Amino acid sequence: MQQTATRQFITAVVSVGRDILGAGHPLISKIEAAGTTVDAETVDEIQKALSALPEETRDTLMSAVHKHMREDISAIWGQLPHAESDEPN
């Protein structure tokens, strides 16, 4: 489940990050280059890139990421116990 949650977080960073940082930003490019890889090295690189952002930009991005994740019903559904599929009823 941790890997799924990590993947959902990374997907949310890309989704809102394109609007806030721009599609060509190094952070977005790094995540897109990783594809579906969610290994420790990739996560560490993403965390370092997030930490390197200016504080105001990082705060804006993380606020938008958290909002995106709160409102993503498919991500919420997948975390429910006994959920039989990735699709909400």
N, C-alpha and C. Protein backbone atom coordinates (compact mmCIF):
# COMPACT_ATOMS: atom_id res chain seq x y z
N MET A 1 0.83 -1.18 0.00
CA MET A 1 0.00 0.00 0.00
C MET A 1 0.87 1.25 0.00
N GLN A 2 2.03 1.21 0.69
CA GLN A 2 2.90 2.38 0.74
C GLN A 2 3.35 2.79 -0.65
N GLN A 3 3.69 1.81 -1.50
CA GLN A 3 4.14 2.13 -2.84
C GLN A 3 3.00 2.79 -3.63
N THR A 4 1.77 2.31 -3.45
CA THR A 4 0.62 2.91 -4.13
C THR A 4 0.43 4.35 -3.68
N ALA A 5 0.52 4.60 -2.40
CA ALA A 5 0.36 5.96 -1.88
C ALA A 5 1.48 6.86 -2.39
N THR A 6 2.69 6.34 -2.45
CA THR A 6 3.81 7.12 -2.97
C THR A 6 3.60 7.45 -4.44
N ARG A 7 3.14 6.49 -5.21
CA ARG A 7 2.87 6.71 -6.63
C ARG A 7 1.77 7.77 -6.79
N GLN A 8 0.73 7.71 -5.96
CA GLN A 8 -0.35 8.69 -6.04
C GLN A 8 0.16 10.09 -5.71
N PHE A 9 1.04 10.18 -4.73
CA PHE A 9 1.63 11.47 -4.38
C PHE A 9 2.45 12.02 -5.55
N ILE A 10 3.30 11.18 -6.13
CA ILE A 10 4.14 11.60 -7.24
C ILE A 10 3.28 12.02 -8.43
N THR A 11 2.23 11.28 -8.70
CA THR A 11 1.31 11.62 -9.79
C THR A 11 0.66 12.97 -9.54
N ALA A 12 0.29 13.22 -8.29
CA ALA A 12 -0.32 14.51 -7.94
C ALA A 12 0.68 15.65 -8.10
N VAL A 13 1.94 15.42 -7.73
CA VAL A 13 2.97 16.46 -7.90
C VAL A 13 3.08 16.84 -9.37
N VAL A 14 3.10 15.84 -10.25
CA VAL A 14 3.20 16.12 -11.69
C VAL A 14 1.95 16.85 -12.17
N SER A 15 0.80 16.37 -11.75
CA SER A 15 -0.46 16.94 -12.22
C SER A 15 -0.58 18.42 -11.90
N VAL A 16 -0.36 18.79 -10.65
CA VAL A 16 -0.48 20.20 -10.28
C VAL A 16 0.81 20.96 -10.56
N GLY A 17 1.92 20.26 -10.56
CA GLY A 17 3.21 20.90 -10.81
C GLY A 17 3.35 21.48 -12.20
N ARG A 18 2.72 20.84 -13.17
CA ARG A 18 2.75 21.39 -14.53
C ARG A 18 2.17 22.79 -14.57
N ASP A 19 1.09 23.01 -13.83
CA ASP A 19 0.45 24.33 -13.81
C ASP A 19 1.25 25.34 -13.00
N ILE A 20 1.81 24.90 -11.89
CA ILE A 20 2.49 25.82 -10.99
C ILE A 20 3.93 26.09 -11.43
N LEU A 21 4.64 25.03 -11.81
CA LEU A 21 6.05 25.16 -12.16
C LEU A 21 6.30 25.26 -13.66
N GLY A 22 5.38 24.71 -14.43
CA GLY A 22 5.56 24.64 -15.88
C GLY A 22 5.99 23.24 -16.29
N ALA A 23 5.53 22.81 -17.45
CA ALA A 23 5.78 21.45 -17.91
C ALA A 23 7.27 21.15 -18.08
N GLY A 24 8.07 22.16 -18.38
CA GLY A 24 9.49 21.93 -18.61
C GLY A 24 10.37 22.05 -17.37
N HIS A 25 9.76 22.25 -16.20
CA HIS A 25 10.53 22.40 -14.97
C HIS A 25 11.32 21.12 -14.70
N PRO A 26 12.55 21.23 -14.19
CA PRO A 26 13.37 20.05 -13.92
C PRO A 26 12.70 19.02 -13.01
N LEU A 27 11.95 19.46 -12.02
CA LEU A 27 11.26 18.52 -11.13
C LEU A 27 10.24 17.69 -11.92
N ILE A 28 9.46 18.34 -12.75
CA ILE A 28 8.45 17.64 -13.54
C ILE A 28 9.13 16.70 -14.52
N SER A 29 10.19 17.16 -15.17
CA SER A 29 10.93 16.33 -16.12
C SER A 29 11.51 15.10 -15.43
N LYS A 30 12.05 15.28 -14.23
CA LYS A 30 12.64 14.17 -13.47
C LYS A 30 11.59 13.11 -13.16
N ILE A 31 10.42 13.54 -12.73
CA ILE A 31 9.35 12.60 -12.40
C ILE A 31 8.86 11.89 -13.65
N GLU A 32 8.65 12.64 -14.72
CA GLU A 32 8.18 12.03 -15.95
C GLU A 32 9.19 11.04 -16.50
N ALA A 33 10.48 11.33 -16.35
CA ALA A 33 11.52 10.42 -16.83
C ALA A 33 11.53 9.11 -16.03
N ALA A 34 11.13 9.19 -14.77
CA ALA A 34 11.09 7.98 -13.93
C ALA A 34 9.96 7.05 -14.32
N GLY A 35 8.94 7.59 -14.99
CA GLY A 35 7.80 6.75 -15.39
C GLY A 35 7.08 6.20 -14.18
N THR A 36 6.87 4.91 -14.15
CA THR A 36 6.14 4.29 -13.04
C THR A 36 7.08 3.76 -11.96
N THR A 37 8.37 4.07 -12.08
CA THR A 37 9.33 3.60 -11.09
C THR A 37 9.11 4.30 -9.76
N VAL A 38 8.94 3.51 -8.72
CA VAL A 38 8.77 4.08 -7.38
C VAL A 38 9.76 3.37 -6.46
N ASP A 39 11.04 3.46 -6.82
CA ASP A 39 12.05 2.86 -5.95
C ASP A 39 12.61 3.93 -5.01
N ALA A 40 13.36 3.51 -4.03
CA ALA A 40 13.86 4.42 -3.01
C ALA A 40 14.72 5.53 -3.61
N GLU A 41 15.53 5.20 -4.60
CA GLU A 41 16.40 6.20 -5.21
C GLU A 41 15.59 7.29 -5.92
N THR A 42 14.55 6.88 -6.65
CA THR A 42 13.71 7.84 -7.35
C THR A 42 12.98 8.74 -6.37
N VAL A 43 12.42 8.15 -5.34
CA VAL A 43 11.70 8.93 -4.32
C VAL A 43 12.66 9.91 -3.64
N ASP A 44 13.88 9.47 -3.35
CA ASP A 44 14.88 10.34 -2.73
C ASP A 44 15.21 11.53 -3.64
N GLU A 45 15.38 11.28 -4.93
CA GLU A 45 15.68 12.35 -5.89
C GLU A 45 14.52 13.36 -5.96
N ILE A 46 13.30 12.85 -5.96
CA ILE A 46 12.14 13.73 -6.00
C ILE A 46 12.05 14.57 -4.73
N GLN A 47 12.31 13.94 -3.58
CA GLN A 47 12.27 14.69 -2.32
C GLN A 47 13.34 15.79 -2.29
N LYS A 48 14.52 15.49 -2.81
CA LYS A 48 15.59 16.49 -2.87
C LYS A 48 15.20 17.64 -3.80
N ALA A 49 14.59 17.31 -4.93
CA ALA A 49 14.17 18.35 -5.87
C ALA A 49 13.07 19.22 -5.26
N LEU A 50 12.16 18.61 -4.52
CA LEU A 50 11.12 19.38 -3.83
C LEU A 50 11.75 20.30 -2.77
N SER A 51 12.69 19.78 -2.03
CA SER A 51 13.35 20.57 -0.99
C SER A 51 14.14 21.74 -1.56
N ALA A 52 14.61 21.59 -2.78
CA ALA A 52 15.42 22.64 -3.41
C ALA A 52 14.57 23.80 -3.95
N LEU A 53 13.27 23.61 -4.03
CA LEU A 53 12.40 24.69 -4.51
C LEU A 53 12.40 25.83 -3.51
N PRO A 54 12.22 27.06 -3.98
CA PRO A 54 12.05 28.17 -3.04
C PRO A 54 10.85 27.88 -2.11
N GLU A 55 10.97 28.29 -0.87
CA GLU A 55 9.96 27.95 0.14
C GLU A 55 8.55 28.33 -0.29
N GLU A 56 8.38 29.52 -0.83
CA GLU A 56 7.03 29.95 -1.23
C GLU A 56 6.48 29.07 -2.35
N THR A 57 7.32 28.74 -3.30
CA THR A 57 6.90 27.87 -4.41
C THR A 57 6.56 26.49 -3.90
N ARG A 58 7.41 25.96 -3.02
CA ARG A 58 7.18 24.63 -2.45
C ARG A 58 5.88 24.60 -1.66
N ASP A 59 5.63 25.64 -0.86
CA ASP A 59 4.39 25.70 -0.08
C ASP A 59 3.16 25.73 -1.00
N THR A 60 3.23 26.52 -2.05
CA THR A 60 2.13 26.61 -3.01
C THR A 60 1.90 25.25 -3.68
N LEU A 61 2.99 24.63 -4.10
CA LEU A 61 2.89 23.32 -4.76
C LEU A 61 2.31 22.27 -3.82
N MET A 62 2.84 22.20 -2.61
CA MET A 62 2.38 21.16 -1.68
C MET A 62 0.93 21.38 -1.26
N SER A 63 0.51 22.62 -1.14
CA SER A 63 -0.89 22.91 -0.83
C SER A 63 -1.78 22.39 -1.96
N ALA A 64 -1.37 22.65 -3.19
CA ALA A 64 -2.14 22.18 -4.34
C ALA A 64 -2.12 20.66 -4.46
N VAL A 65 -0.99 20.04 -4.14
CA VAL A 65 -0.88 18.58 -4.17
C VAL A 65 -1.83 17.97 -3.14
N HIS A 66 -1.84 18.50 -1.95
CA HIS A 66 -2.72 17.96 -0.90
C HIS A 66 -4.18 18.13 -1.27
N LYS A 67 -4.52 19.27 -1.86
CA LYS A 67 -5.90 19.49 -2.30
C LYS A 67 -6.27 18.47 -3.38
N HIS A 68 -5.38 18.28 -4.33
CA HIS A 68 -5.61 17.32 -5.41
C HIS A 68 -5.84 15.91 -4.85
N MET A 69 -5.01 15.52 -3.89
CA MET A 69 -5.13 14.18 -3.32
C MET A 69 -6.42 14.03 -2.51
N ARG A 70 -6.80 15.08 -1.80
CA ARG A 70 -8.05 15.01 -1.02
C ARG A 70 -9.26 14.83 -1.92
N GLU A 71 -9.19 15.40 -3.11
CA GLU A 71 -10.34 15.40 -4.01
C GLU A 71 -10.31 14.29 -5.05
N ASP A 72 -9.27 13.46 -5.05
CA ASP A 72 -9.14 12.39 -6.04
C ASP A 72 -9.85 11.14 -5.51
N ILE A 73 -11.08 10.98 -5.89
CA ILE A 73 -11.89 9.87 -5.37
C ILE A 73 -11.30 8.51 -5.73
N SER A 74 -10.68 8.39 -6.88
CA SER A 74 -10.10 7.09 -7.25
C SER A 74 -8.96 6.72 -6.31
N ALA A 75 -8.18 7.70 -5.88
CA ALA A 75 -7.09 7.42 -4.94
C ALA A 75 -7.65 7.05 -3.57
N ILE A 76 -8.69 7.74 -3.15
CA ILE A 76 -9.32 7.46 -1.86
C ILE A 76 -9.93 6.06 -1.89
N TRP A 77 -10.63 5.76 -2.96
CA TRP A 77 -11.30 4.46 -3.09
C TRP A 77 -10.30 3.31 -2.99
N GLY A 78 -9.17 3.47 -3.64
CA GLY A 78 -8.16 2.41 -3.65
C GLY A 78 -7.56 2.14 -2.29
N GLN A 79 -7.69 3.06 -1.35
CA GLN A 79 -7.13 2.88 -0.02
C GLN A 79 -8.14 2.29 0.98
N LEU A 80 -9.39 2.18 0.58
CA LEU A 80 -10.41 1.66 1.49
C LEU A 80 -10.24 0.16 1.68
N PRO A 81 -10.44 -0.32 2.91
CA PRO A 81 -10.35 -1.76 3.13
C PRO A 81 -11.48 -2.46 2.37
N HIS A 82 -11.18 -3.59 1.83
CA HIS A 82 -12.14 -4.44 1.12
C HIS A 82 -12.63 -3.84 -0.19
N ALA A 83 -11.93 -2.84 -0.70
CA ALA A 83 -12.32 -2.31 -2.01
C ALA A 83 -11.98 -3.36 -3.04
N GLU A 84 -12.94 -3.70 -3.89
CA GLU A 84 -12.75 -4.79 -4.83
C GLU A 84 -12.14 -4.36 -6.14
N SER A 85 -12.15 -3.07 -6.42
CA SER A 85 -11.53 -2.59 -7.66
C SER A 85 -11.01 -1.19 -7.43
N ASP A 86 -10.37 -0.67 -8.45
CA ASP A 86 -9.85 0.69 -8.37
C ASP A 86 -10.89 1.72 -8.74
N GLU A 87 -12.07 1.27 -9.11
CA GLU A 87 -13.13 2.19 -9.55
C GLU A 87 -14.19 2.35 -8.48
N PRO A 88 -14.61 3.59 -8.23
CA PRO A 88 -15.69 3.79 -7.26
C PRO A 88 -17.01 3.25 -7.81
N ASN A 89 -17.91 2.90 -6.90
CA ASN A 89 -19.23 2.39 -7.33
C ASN A 89 -20.06 3.49 -7.89
